[in-house]
Amino acid sequence: MAIKRPTKSRGTPLRRPVSSAAVRRVEVRSKQQMVVGEVYEGWLCKSAACGLVIALAPAAEGGSKSTVSEFDDHLSVIKCPHCGNEDLYRWNARGKHSYVQKSPAA
């Protein structure tokens, strides 16, 4: 004869939905919009083969709503305009970087 146990005492952990961090997409400049030597706000590509600047797109003129508050450190899904690598970047980890063009492999 099987012993009947209540479901609460089986020792399985309580499964609650995990609240995920807000992941947002960010508009970036294309490589045609960037000029060598200019300084842009953004990130450096996490791909070891690329490592070039991923620059934020300029804010839309007359935009009434702000895209992100300065205190909101969320993750952003960003696709590199140079190599196409898509990765997560922290919003507060952005900085000012000078754009340099990669020399072609010899």
N, C-alpha and C. Protein backbone atom coordinates (compact mmCIF):
# COMPACT_ATOMS: atom_id res chain seq x y z
N MET A 1 0.84 -1.16 0.00
CA MET A 1 0.00 0.00 0.00
C MET A 1 0.90 1.25 0.00
N ALA A 2 0.57 2.24 -0.86
CA ALA A 2 1.35 3.47 -0.97
C ALA A 2 0.94 4.46 0.11
N ILE A 3 1.91 5.17 0.59
CA ILE A 3 1.63 6.20 1.59
C ILE A 3 1.28 7.48 0.85
N LYS A 4 0.15 8.02 1.18
CA LYS A 4 -0.27 9.27 0.54
C LYS A 4 0.25 10.44 1.35
N ARG A 5 0.91 11.36 0.62
CA ARG A 5 1.46 12.55 1.26
C ARG A 5 0.83 13.78 0.62
N PRO A 6 0.64 14.80 1.42
CA PRO A 6 0.15 16.04 0.82
C PRO A 6 1.22 16.63 -0.10
N THR A 7 0.79 17.34 -1.13
CA THR A 7 1.73 17.87 -2.13
C THR A 7 2.67 18.90 -1.54
N LYS A 8 2.30 19.53 -0.46
CA LYS A 8 3.14 20.57 0.13
C LYS A 8 4.39 20.00 0.80
N SER A 9 4.38 18.76 1.19
CA SER A 9 5.51 18.22 1.93
C SER A 9 6.42 17.32 1.09
N ARG A 10 6.35 17.38 -0.19
CA ARG A 10 7.17 16.51 -1.03
C ARG A 10 8.62 16.95 -1.15
N GLY A 11 8.92 18.12 -0.70
CA GLY A 11 10.29 18.58 -0.73
C GLY A 11 10.68 19.27 -2.03
N THR A 12 9.75 19.41 -2.96
CA THR A 12 10.08 20.12 -4.19
C THR A 12 10.03 21.61 -3.92
N PRO A 13 10.96 22.35 -4.48
CA PRO A 13 10.96 23.80 -4.23
C PRO A 13 9.75 24.46 -4.88
N LEU A 14 9.35 25.51 -4.26
CA LEU A 14 8.22 26.28 -4.77
C LEU A 14 8.65 26.97 -6.05
N ARG A 15 7.90 26.78 -7.11
CA ARG A 15 8.25 27.37 -8.39
C ARG A 15 7.47 28.66 -8.61
N ARG A 16 8.20 29.75 -8.55
CA ARG A 16 7.60 31.05 -8.80
C ARG A 16 8.21 31.60 -10.08
N PRO A 17 7.43 32.33 -10.81
CA PRO A 17 8.02 32.94 -12.01
C PRO A 17 9.10 33.95 -11.61
N VAL A 18 10.24 33.82 -12.23
CA VAL A 18 11.35 34.73 -11.94
C VAL A 18 11.14 36.01 -12.72
N SER A 19 11.20 37.11 -12.02
CA SER A 19 11.05 38.38 -12.71
C SER A 19 12.35 38.71 -13.41
N SER A 20 12.28 38.86 -14.71
CA SER A 20 13.49 39.14 -15.48
C SER A 20 13.71 40.64 -15.56
N ALA A 21 14.95 40.99 -15.79
CA ALA A 21 15.29 42.41 -15.94
C ALA A 21 14.68 42.92 -17.23
N ALA A 22 14.36 44.18 -17.24
CA ALA A 22 13.78 44.79 -18.43
C ALA A 22 14.86 44.87 -19.51
N VAL A 23 14.61 44.16 -20.60
CA VAL A 23 15.55 44.17 -21.72
C VAL A 23 14.92 44.98 -22.83
N ARG A 24 15.63 46.00 -23.27
CA ARG A 24 15.09 46.89 -24.28
C ARG A 24 16.03 46.96 -25.47
N ARG A 25 15.47 47.30 -26.60
CA ARG A 25 16.28 47.50 -27.80
C ARG A 25 16.63 48.98 -27.91
N VAL A 26 17.82 49.25 -28.37
CA VAL A 26 18.33 50.61 -28.47
C VAL A 26 18.70 50.87 -29.92
N GLU A 27 18.35 52.06 -30.41
CA GLU A 27 18.72 52.46 -31.77
C GLU A 27 20.18 52.89 -31.79
N VAL A 28 20.93 52.35 -32.74
CA VAL A 28 22.34 52.71 -32.88
C VAL A 28 22.61 53.29 -34.26
N ARG A 29 23.71 54.01 -34.38
CA ARG A 29 24.11 54.58 -35.67
C ARG A 29 24.63 53.47 -36.57
N SER A 30 24.38 53.61 -37.87
CA SER A 30 24.97 52.67 -38.82
C SER A 30 26.42 53.09 -39.05
N LYS A 31 27.21 52.19 -39.62
CA LYS A 31 28.62 52.54 -39.82
C LYS A 31 28.80 53.65 -40.85
N GLN A 32 27.80 53.87 -41.72
CA GLN A 32 27.87 54.98 -42.68
C GLN A 32 27.66 56.33 -42.00
N GLN A 33 27.01 56.34 -40.83
CA GLN A 33 26.73 57.58 -40.11
C GLN A 33 27.89 58.02 -39.22
N MET A 34 28.91 57.18 -39.07
CA MET A 34 30.02 57.50 -38.19
C MET A 34 31.23 57.98 -38.99
N VAL A 35 31.94 58.95 -38.43
CA VAL A 35 33.10 59.55 -39.06
C VAL A 35 34.34 59.19 -38.25
N VAL A 36 35.40 58.76 -38.93
CA VAL A 36 36.65 58.40 -38.24
C VAL A 36 37.18 59.60 -37.47
N GLY A 37 37.54 59.38 -36.21
CA GLY A 37 38.09 60.44 -35.37
C GLY A 37 37.05 61.13 -34.50
N GLU A 38 35.77 61.02 -34.82
CA GLU A 38 34.71 61.64 -34.01
C GLU A 38 34.52 60.83 -32.72
N VAL A 39 34.05 61.52 -31.67
CA VAL A 39 33.77 60.87 -30.39
C VAL A 39 32.27 60.65 -30.29
N TYR A 40 31.87 59.42 -29.97
CA TYR A 40 30.46 59.06 -29.88
C TYR A 40 30.17 58.44 -28.52
N GLU A 41 28.93 58.61 -28.06
CA GLU A 41 28.50 57.97 -26.82
C GLU A 41 27.97 56.59 -27.16
N GLY A 42 28.45 55.59 -26.46
CA GLY A 42 28.00 54.23 -26.72
C GLY A 42 28.88 53.21 -26.01
N TRP A 43 29.04 52.05 -26.63
CA TRP A 43 29.78 50.94 -26.06
C TRP A 43 30.80 50.45 -27.06
N LEU A 44 31.74 49.65 -26.60
CA LEU A 44 32.65 48.94 -27.49
C LEU A 44 32.08 47.54 -27.69
N CYS A 45 32.14 47.05 -28.91
CA CYS A 45 31.59 45.72 -29.23
C CYS A 45 32.29 44.66 -28.39
N LYS A 46 31.51 43.72 -27.86
CA LYS A 46 32.06 42.67 -27.02
C LYS A 46 32.74 41.58 -27.82
N SER A 47 32.55 41.56 -29.12
CA SER A 47 33.20 40.56 -29.97
C SER A 47 34.69 40.85 -30.02
N ALA A 48 35.51 39.86 -29.71
CA ALA A 48 36.96 40.05 -29.70
C ALA A 48 37.50 40.38 -31.09
N ALA A 49 36.86 39.87 -32.11
CA ALA A 49 37.32 40.12 -33.47
C ALA A 49 36.97 41.54 -33.94
N CYS A 50 35.96 42.16 -33.36
CA CYS A 50 35.50 43.47 -33.80
C CYS A 50 36.03 44.56 -32.87
N GLY A 51 35.42 44.75 -31.72
CA GLY A 51 35.86 45.73 -30.74
C GLY A 51 35.66 47.18 -31.13
N LEU A 52 34.86 47.46 -32.15
CA LEU A 52 34.63 48.83 -32.60
C LEU A 52 33.50 49.49 -31.81
N VAL A 53 33.36 50.79 -31.97
CA VAL A 53 32.37 51.57 -31.23
C VAL A 53 30.96 51.28 -31.75
N ILE A 54 30.04 51.06 -30.82
CA ILE A 54 28.61 50.98 -31.12
C ILE A 54 28.03 52.27 -30.59
N ALA A 55 27.73 53.21 -31.49
CA ALA A 55 27.29 54.54 -31.08
C ALA A 55 25.78 54.64 -31.02
N LEU A 56 25.29 55.35 -30.01
CA LEU A 56 23.85 55.60 -29.88
C LEU A 56 23.38 56.48 -31.03
N ALA A 57 22.20 56.22 -31.52
CA ALA A 57 21.61 57.06 -32.56
C ALA A 57 21.22 58.39 -31.93
N PRO A 58 21.27 59.48 -32.70
CA PRO A 58 20.88 60.78 -32.14
C PRO A 58 19.41 60.77 -31.74
N ALA A 59 19.08 61.52 -30.69
CA ALA A 59 17.70 61.58 -30.21
C ALA A 59 16.82 62.22 -31.27
N ALA A 60 15.59 61.73 -31.37
CA ALA A 60 14.65 62.26 -32.35
C ALA A 60 14.29 63.69 -31.99
N GLU A 61 14.17 64.54 -32.99
CA GLU A 61 13.81 65.94 -32.77
C GLU A 61 12.37 66.03 -32.25
N GLY A 62 12.17 66.81 -31.23
CA GLY A 62 10.83 67.02 -30.69
C GLY A 62 10.29 65.83 -29.94
N GLY A 63 11.16 64.90 -29.56
CA GLY A 63 10.70 63.73 -28.81
C GLY A 63 10.25 64.13 -27.44
N SER A 64 8.98 63.91 -27.12
CA SER A 64 8.45 64.37 -25.85
C SER A 64 8.77 63.42 -24.71
N LYS A 65 8.87 62.13 -24.99
CA LYS A 65 9.15 61.22 -23.89
C LYS A 65 10.63 60.83 -23.89
N SER A 66 11.19 60.77 -22.70
CA SER A 66 12.59 60.37 -22.61
C SER A 66 12.69 58.87 -22.77
N THR A 67 13.74 58.42 -23.41
CA THR A 67 13.87 56.99 -23.69
C THR A 67 14.19 56.22 -22.42
N VAL A 68 15.13 56.72 -21.63
CA VAL A 68 15.53 56.01 -20.42
C VAL A 68 15.92 57.04 -19.37
N SER A 69 15.50 56.79 -18.15
CA SER A 69 15.94 57.67 -17.08
C SER A 69 17.39 57.35 -16.75
N GLU A 70 18.12 58.32 -16.25
CA GLU A 70 19.53 58.14 -15.96
C GLU A 70 19.77 57.15 -14.82
N PHE A 71 18.77 56.93 -13.97
CA PHE A 71 18.95 56.05 -12.83
C PHE A 71 18.53 54.62 -13.13
N ASP A 72 18.03 54.37 -14.30
CA ASP A 72 17.55 53.04 -14.67
C ASP A 72 18.69 52.28 -15.34
N ASP A 73 19.30 51.34 -14.63
CA ASP A 73 20.41 50.57 -15.16
C ASP A 73 19.87 49.26 -15.74
N HIS A 74 19.27 49.33 -16.90
CA HIS A 74 18.71 48.15 -17.51
C HIS A 74 19.65 47.56 -18.55
N LEU A 75 19.34 46.36 -18.98
CA LEU A 75 20.11 45.72 -20.04
C LEU A 75 19.49 46.08 -21.38
N SER A 76 20.34 46.27 -22.36
CA SER A 76 19.88 46.61 -23.69
C SER A 76 20.42 45.58 -24.68
N VAL A 77 19.56 45.12 -25.58
CA VAL A 77 19.99 44.22 -26.64
C VAL A 77 20.48 45.09 -27.79
N ILE A 78 21.76 44.97 -28.12
CA ILE A 78 22.34 45.82 -29.14
C ILE A 78 23.05 44.97 -30.17
N LYS A 79 22.79 45.28 -31.44
CA LYS A 79 23.43 44.59 -32.55
C LYS A 79 24.52 45.50 -33.11
N CYS A 80 25.73 44.99 -33.18
CA CYS A 80 26.87 45.76 -33.68
C CYS A 80 26.67 46.05 -35.17
N PRO A 81 26.79 47.32 -35.59
CA PRO A 81 26.62 47.65 -37.00
C PRO A 81 27.80 47.20 -37.86
N HIS A 82 28.90 46.81 -37.23
CA HIS A 82 30.10 46.42 -37.97
C HIS A 82 30.16 44.93 -38.23
N CYS A 83 29.99 44.13 -37.16
CA CYS A 83 30.13 42.67 -37.31
C CYS A 83 28.80 41.92 -37.23
N GLY A 84 27.73 42.59 -36.77
CA GLY A 84 26.42 41.93 -36.68
C GLY A 84 26.23 41.14 -35.40
N ASN A 85 27.20 41.15 -34.49
CA ASN A 85 27.10 40.43 -33.23
C ASN A 85 26.06 41.10 -32.34
N GLU A 86 25.11 40.32 -31.82
CA GLU A 86 24.06 40.85 -30.95
C GLU A 86 24.35 40.41 -29.53
N ASP A 87 24.38 41.38 -28.60
CA ASP A 87 24.73 41.06 -27.22
C ASP A 87 23.99 41.99 -26.27
N LEU A 88 24.07 41.69 -24.97
CA LEU A 88 23.46 42.52 -23.93
C LEU A 88 24.49 43.50 -23.39
N TYR A 89 24.07 44.75 -23.25
CA TYR A 89 24.94 45.79 -22.71
C TYR A 89 24.19 46.53 -21.60
N ARG A 90 24.90 46.87 -20.53
CA ARG A 90 24.30 47.66 -19.45
C ARG A 90 24.22 49.11 -19.88
N TRP A 91 23.09 49.73 -19.62
CA TRP A 91 22.87 51.11 -20.03
C TRP A 91 23.88 52.05 -19.36
N ASN A 92 24.17 51.82 -18.08
CA ASN A 92 25.09 52.70 -17.36
C ASN A 92 26.56 52.42 -17.68
N ALA A 93 26.84 51.41 -18.49
CA ALA A 93 28.23 51.10 -18.86
C ALA A 93 28.66 51.82 -20.13
N ARG A 94 27.78 52.64 -20.70
CA ARG A 94 28.15 53.34 -21.92
C ARG A 94 29.14 54.45 -21.60
N GLY A 95 29.86 54.88 -22.59
CA GLY A 95 30.85 55.92 -22.38
C GLY A 95 31.13 56.64 -23.69
N LYS A 96 32.08 57.55 -23.66
CA LYS A 96 32.47 58.29 -24.86
C LYS A 96 33.68 57.59 -25.46
N HIS A 97 33.56 57.22 -26.74
CA HIS A 97 34.62 56.49 -27.43
C HIS A 97 34.88 57.14 -28.78
N SER A 98 36.14 57.18 -29.16
CA SER A 98 36.52 57.72 -30.46
C SER A 98 36.39 56.60 -31.49
N TYR A 99 35.81 56.93 -32.65
CA TYR A 99 35.60 55.94 -33.70
C TYR A 99 36.87 55.81 -34.54
N VAL A 100 37.39 54.61 -34.62
CA VAL A 100 38.53 54.30 -35.48
C VAL A 100 38.11 53.19 -36.42
N GLN A 101 38.58 53.27 -37.64
CA GLN A 101 38.23 52.25 -38.63
C GLN A 101 39.25 51.14 -38.54
N LYS A 102 38.78 49.91 -38.59
CA LYS A 102 39.67 48.77 -38.51
C LYS A 102 40.39 48.61 -39.82
N SER A 103 41.69 48.35 -39.74
CA SER A 103 42.45 48.15 -40.97
C SER A 103 42.13 46.77 -41.54
N PRO A 104 42.07 46.64 -42.87
CA PRO A 104 41.77 45.34 -43.46
C PRO A 104 42.87 44.35 -43.16
N ALA A 105 42.49 43.10 -42.96
CA ALA A 105 43.46 42.04 -42.63
C ALA A 105 44.39 41.83 -43.81
N ALA A 106 45.68 41.78 -43.53
CA ALA A 106 46.66 41.60 -44.58
C ALA A 106 47.12 40.19 -44.69
